[in-house]
N, C-alpha and C. Protein backbone atom coordinates (compact mmCIF):
# COMPACT_ATOMS: atom_id res chain seq x y z
N MET A 1 78.59 102.42 77.98
CA MET A 1 78.38 101.18 78.77
C MET A 1 79.29 101.27 79.97
N LEU A 2 78.69 100.86 81.14
CA LEU A 2 79.39 100.85 82.43
C LEU A 2 80.49 99.78 82.43
N PRO A 3 81.65 100.11 83.04
CA PRO A 3 82.66 99.11 83.19
C PRO A 3 82.28 98.06 84.34
N ILE A 4 82.91 96.87 84.14
CA ILE A 4 82.73 95.93 85.21
C ILE A 4 84.20 95.44 85.60
N THR A 5 84.31 94.94 86.83
CA THR A 5 85.58 94.48 87.32
C THR A 5 85.40 93.09 87.75
N ILE A 6 86.41 92.23 87.26
CA ILE A 6 86.38 90.82 87.74
C ILE A 6 87.79 90.55 88.27
N LYS A 7 87.83 89.51 89.24
CA LYS A 7 88.95 89.02 89.66
C LYS A 7 89.12 87.59 89.21
N ALA A 8 90.26 87.28 88.56
CA ALA A 8 90.43 85.85 88.04
C ALA A 8 91.65 85.23 88.72
N ARG A 9 91.47 83.92 88.88
CA ARG A 9 92.52 83.10 89.34
C ARG A 9 92.83 81.94 88.37
N VAL A 10 94.06 81.96 87.84
CA VAL A 10 94.46 81.04 86.88
C VAL A 10 95.41 80.04 87.42
N THR A 11 95.13 78.70 87.23
CA THR A 11 96.03 77.65 87.76
C THR A 11 96.56 76.81 86.66
N GLY A 12 97.57 76.09 86.89
CA GLY A 12 98.25 75.23 85.90
C GLY A 12 99.64 75.62 85.92
N ARG A 13 100.33 75.41 84.76
CA ARG A 13 101.79 75.92 84.57
C ARG A 13 101.70 77.36 84.12
N VAL A 14 101.60 78.34 85.08
CA VAL A 14 101.38 79.76 84.68
C VAL A 14 102.54 80.65 85.32
N GLN A 15 103.27 80.06 86.12
CA GLN A 15 104.45 80.85 86.65
C GLN A 15 105.71 80.49 86.06
N GLY A 16 106.59 81.37 85.75
CA GLY A 16 107.76 81.15 85.12
C GLY A 16 107.74 80.87 83.58
N VAL A 17 106.60 81.28 82.96
CA VAL A 17 106.32 81.04 81.49
C VAL A 17 105.88 82.41 80.89
N ALA A 18 106.04 83.52 81.62
CA ALA A 18 105.77 84.92 81.02
C ALA A 18 104.29 85.08 81.02
N TYR A 19 103.46 84.41 81.91
CA TYR A 19 102.02 84.52 81.84
C TYR A 19 101.69 85.90 82.26
N ARG A 20 102.22 86.45 83.30
CA ARG A 20 101.90 87.84 83.68
C ARG A 20 102.21 88.91 82.65
N HIS A 21 103.32 88.74 81.91
CA HIS A 21 103.64 89.75 80.93
C HIS A 21 102.71 89.58 79.73
N TRP A 22 102.31 88.39 79.36
CA TRP A 22 101.36 88.09 78.34
C TRP A 22 100.02 88.73 78.68
N THR A 23 99.55 88.57 80.00
CA THR A 23 98.31 89.17 80.40
C THR A 23 98.37 90.70 80.33
N ARG A 24 99.39 91.24 80.80
CA ARG A 24 99.38 92.77 80.71
C ARG A 24 99.38 93.24 79.33
N ALA A 25 100.20 92.54 78.44
CA ALA A 25 100.17 93.04 77.05
C ALA A 25 98.81 92.86 76.39
N ARG A 26 98.19 91.77 76.57
CA ARG A 26 96.86 91.44 76.07
C ARG A 26 95.80 92.40 76.58
N ALA A 27 95.87 92.65 77.88
CA ALA A 27 94.80 93.61 78.53
C ALA A 27 95.10 95.05 77.94
N GLN A 28 96.27 95.42 77.85
CA GLN A 28 96.54 96.77 77.35
C GLN A 28 96.06 96.97 75.92
N SER A 29 96.19 95.86 75.09
CA SER A 29 95.85 95.89 73.71
C SER A 29 94.20 96.01 73.65
N LEU A 30 93.58 95.50 74.66
CA LEU A 30 92.14 95.63 74.70
C LEU A 30 91.63 96.87 75.36
N GLY A 31 92.47 97.62 75.89
CA GLY A 31 92.26 98.92 76.58
C GLY A 31 91.62 98.66 77.96
N LEU A 32 92.05 97.57 78.60
CA LEU A 32 91.53 97.23 79.93
C LEU A 32 92.53 97.80 80.94
N LYS A 33 92.04 97.93 82.20
CA LYS A 33 92.79 98.47 83.35
C LYS A 33 92.81 97.27 84.36
N GLY A 34 93.80 97.42 85.32
CA GLY A 34 93.88 96.56 86.40
C GLY A 34 95.26 96.04 86.70
N TRP A 35 95.44 94.86 87.15
CA TRP A 35 96.66 94.26 87.58
C TRP A 35 96.66 92.80 87.45
N VAL A 36 97.90 92.27 87.50
CA VAL A 36 98.19 90.78 87.52
C VAL A 36 99.39 90.61 88.43
N ARG A 37 99.29 89.43 89.20
CA ARG A 37 100.46 89.08 90.09
C ARG A 37 100.48 87.59 90.21
N ASN A 38 101.69 87.07 90.60
CA ASN A 38 101.85 85.65 90.94
C ASN A 38 101.33 85.53 92.38
N ASP A 39 100.74 84.42 92.77
CA ASP A 39 100.26 84.05 94.06
C ASP A 39 101.18 82.92 94.61
N VAL A 40 101.34 82.96 95.97
CA VAL A 40 102.18 81.99 96.57
C VAL A 40 101.77 80.59 96.33
N SER A 41 100.53 80.33 96.00
CA SER A 41 99.99 79.01 95.70
C SER A 41 100.45 78.47 94.34
N GLY A 42 101.11 79.37 93.52
CA GLY A 42 101.51 78.91 92.16
C GLY A 42 100.57 79.39 91.15
N ALA A 43 99.38 80.01 91.53
CA ALA A 43 98.44 80.53 90.57
C ALA A 43 98.85 81.94 90.19
N VAL A 44 98.14 82.40 89.10
CA VAL A 44 98.27 83.85 88.73
C VAL A 44 96.89 84.47 89.10
N ILE A 45 96.93 85.66 89.73
CA ILE A 45 95.74 86.28 90.02
C ILE A 45 95.69 87.73 89.24
N ALA A 46 94.55 88.00 88.76
CA ALA A 46 94.38 89.24 87.99
C ALA A 46 93.07 89.96 88.28
N GLN A 47 93.10 91.20 88.37
CA GLN A 47 91.94 92.03 88.54
C GLN A 47 91.86 92.84 87.26
N ILE A 48 90.67 92.74 86.52
CA ILE A 48 90.56 93.33 85.27
C ILE A 48 89.24 94.10 85.20
N GLU A 49 89.50 95.39 84.73
CA GLU A 49 88.33 96.29 84.64
C GLU A 49 88.20 96.94 83.21
N GLY A 50 87.02 97.06 82.82
CA GLY A 50 86.73 97.56 81.49
C GLY A 50 85.31 97.26 80.97
N GLU A 51 85.08 97.56 79.76
CA GLU A 51 83.80 97.18 79.17
C GLU A 51 83.57 95.77 79.26
N LYS A 52 82.20 95.38 79.63
CA LYS A 52 81.89 93.82 79.98
C LYS A 52 82.30 92.98 78.79
N ARG A 53 82.07 93.40 77.64
CA ARG A 53 82.40 92.43 76.46
C ARG A 53 83.95 92.21 76.36
N LEU A 54 84.68 93.28 76.57
CA LEU A 54 86.14 93.09 76.49
C LEU A 54 86.82 92.32 77.73
N VAL A 55 86.12 92.58 78.92
CA VAL A 55 86.60 91.88 80.05
C VAL A 55 86.33 90.31 79.86
N ASN A 56 85.17 90.00 79.35
CA ASN A 56 84.71 88.65 79.14
C ASN A 56 85.70 88.09 78.00
N GLN A 57 86.04 88.79 77.04
CA GLN A 57 86.96 88.34 76.06
C GLN A 57 88.31 88.03 76.67
N MET A 58 88.80 88.85 77.53
CA MET A 58 90.03 88.70 78.19
C MET A 58 90.07 87.36 78.96
N VAL A 59 88.98 87.17 79.76
CA VAL A 59 88.87 86.00 80.62
C VAL A 59 88.92 84.76 79.71
N ASP A 60 88.22 84.80 78.71
CA ASP A 60 88.22 83.66 77.72
C ASP A 60 89.62 83.35 77.14
N GLU A 61 90.30 84.39 76.81
CA GLU A 61 91.74 84.24 76.28
C GLU A 61 92.75 83.88 77.29
N MET A 62 92.42 84.09 78.61
CA MET A 62 93.35 83.67 79.66
C MET A 62 93.52 82.11 79.73
N TRP A 63 92.51 81.41 79.12
CA TRP A 63 92.55 79.90 79.07
C TRP A 63 93.74 79.50 78.17
N SER A 64 94.20 80.36 77.26
CA SER A 64 95.28 80.01 76.42
C SER A 64 96.61 80.46 77.03
N GLY A 65 96.70 81.81 77.16
CA GLY A 65 97.98 82.37 77.66
C GLY A 65 99.15 82.21 76.67
N PRO A 66 100.31 82.56 77.10
CA PRO A 66 101.56 82.43 76.21
C PRO A 66 101.78 80.99 75.88
N GLY A 67 102.51 80.75 74.80
CA GLY A 67 102.80 79.37 74.32
C GLY A 67 103.34 78.42 75.39
N ALA A 68 104.21 78.79 76.30
CA ALA A 68 104.75 77.90 77.29
C ALA A 68 103.77 77.56 78.41
N ALA A 69 102.75 78.30 78.51
CA ALA A 69 101.68 78.06 79.61
C ALA A 69 100.87 76.86 79.33
N SER A 70 100.37 76.26 80.39
CA SER A 70 99.52 75.09 80.40
C SER A 70 98.43 75.33 81.43
N VAL A 71 97.39 76.03 80.95
CA VAL A 71 96.24 76.54 81.94
C VAL A 71 95.36 75.28 82.21
N ARG A 72 95.21 75.01 83.52
CA ARG A 72 94.30 74.03 84.01
C ARG A 72 92.93 74.62 84.37
N ASP A 73 92.86 75.82 84.89
CA ASP A 73 91.45 76.33 85.27
C ASP A 73 91.62 77.87 85.30
N VAL A 74 90.53 78.50 84.99
CA VAL A 74 90.39 79.98 85.19
C VAL A 74 89.08 80.18 85.92
N GLN A 75 89.16 80.65 87.10
CA GLN A 75 88.01 80.95 87.92
C GLN A 75 87.85 82.51 88.00
N SER A 76 86.60 83.07 87.74
CA SER A 76 86.52 84.43 87.81
C SER A 76 85.27 84.88 88.48
N ARG A 77 85.33 85.96 89.20
CA ARG A 77 84.08 86.50 89.75
C ARG A 77 84.05 88.05 89.71
N THR A 78 82.88 88.61 89.68
CA THR A 78 82.70 90.06 89.67
C THR A 78 83.08 90.63 91.07
N VAL A 79 83.76 91.68 91.14
CA VAL A 79 84.11 92.28 92.32
C VAL A 79 83.73 93.81 92.32
N THR A 80 83.65 94.42 93.41
CA THR A 80 83.45 95.87 93.49
C THR A 80 84.71 96.52 93.91
N THR A 81 85.14 97.54 93.24
CA THR A 81 86.41 98.24 93.61
C THR A 81 86.02 99.67 93.95
N SER A 82 86.85 100.33 94.78
CA SER A 82 86.60 101.66 95.17
C SER A 82 87.40 102.63 94.37
N ALA A 83 88.58 102.20 93.83
CA ALA A 83 89.37 103.04 92.95
C ALA A 83 89.72 102.39 91.69
N SER A 84 89.54 103.16 90.62
CA SER A 84 89.81 102.69 89.27
C SER A 84 91.27 102.71 88.98
N SER A 85 91.89 101.69 88.39
CA SER A 85 93.25 101.76 87.93
C SER A 85 93.37 102.63 86.71
N LYS A 86 94.44 103.26 86.59
CA LYS A 86 94.79 104.07 85.43
C LYS A 86 95.30 103.30 84.23
N LYS A 87 95.93 102.11 84.46
CA LYS A 87 96.48 101.29 83.42
C LYS A 87 96.49 99.89 83.91
N PHE A 88 96.97 98.97 83.10
CA PHE A 88 97.20 97.63 83.44
C PHE A 88 98.60 97.30 83.82
N GLU A 89 98.80 96.71 84.95
CA GLU A 89 100.19 96.67 85.44
C GLU A 89 100.56 95.28 86.14
N ILE A 90 101.72 94.92 86.17
CA ILE A 90 102.22 93.74 86.88
C ILE A 90 102.52 94.21 88.31
N ILE A 91 101.99 93.55 89.39
CA ILE A 91 102.32 93.93 90.75
C ILE A 91 102.94 92.77 91.44
N ARG A 92 103.53 93.08 92.44
CA ARG A 92 104.20 91.99 93.31
C ARG A 92 103.49 91.66 94.52
């Protein structure tokens, strides 16, 4: 199965609650590649690549996040990337 890549924007109380670390750990456990970072707007942005079913599962799980998070919205869209990530990482 061909991989897909999505970019997700998560809003709510998602900064300062270990959301990025939770996202990285969950993505790694699913075997996904990509990155996650805080945005100056207060949102968390992630680019996630992998098998479509697993990427969709990750996006669904992003509505929950870690226990201290309070997610208001998760917007995602399919994107085209030119270079595949080797792992899932937190970037700045």
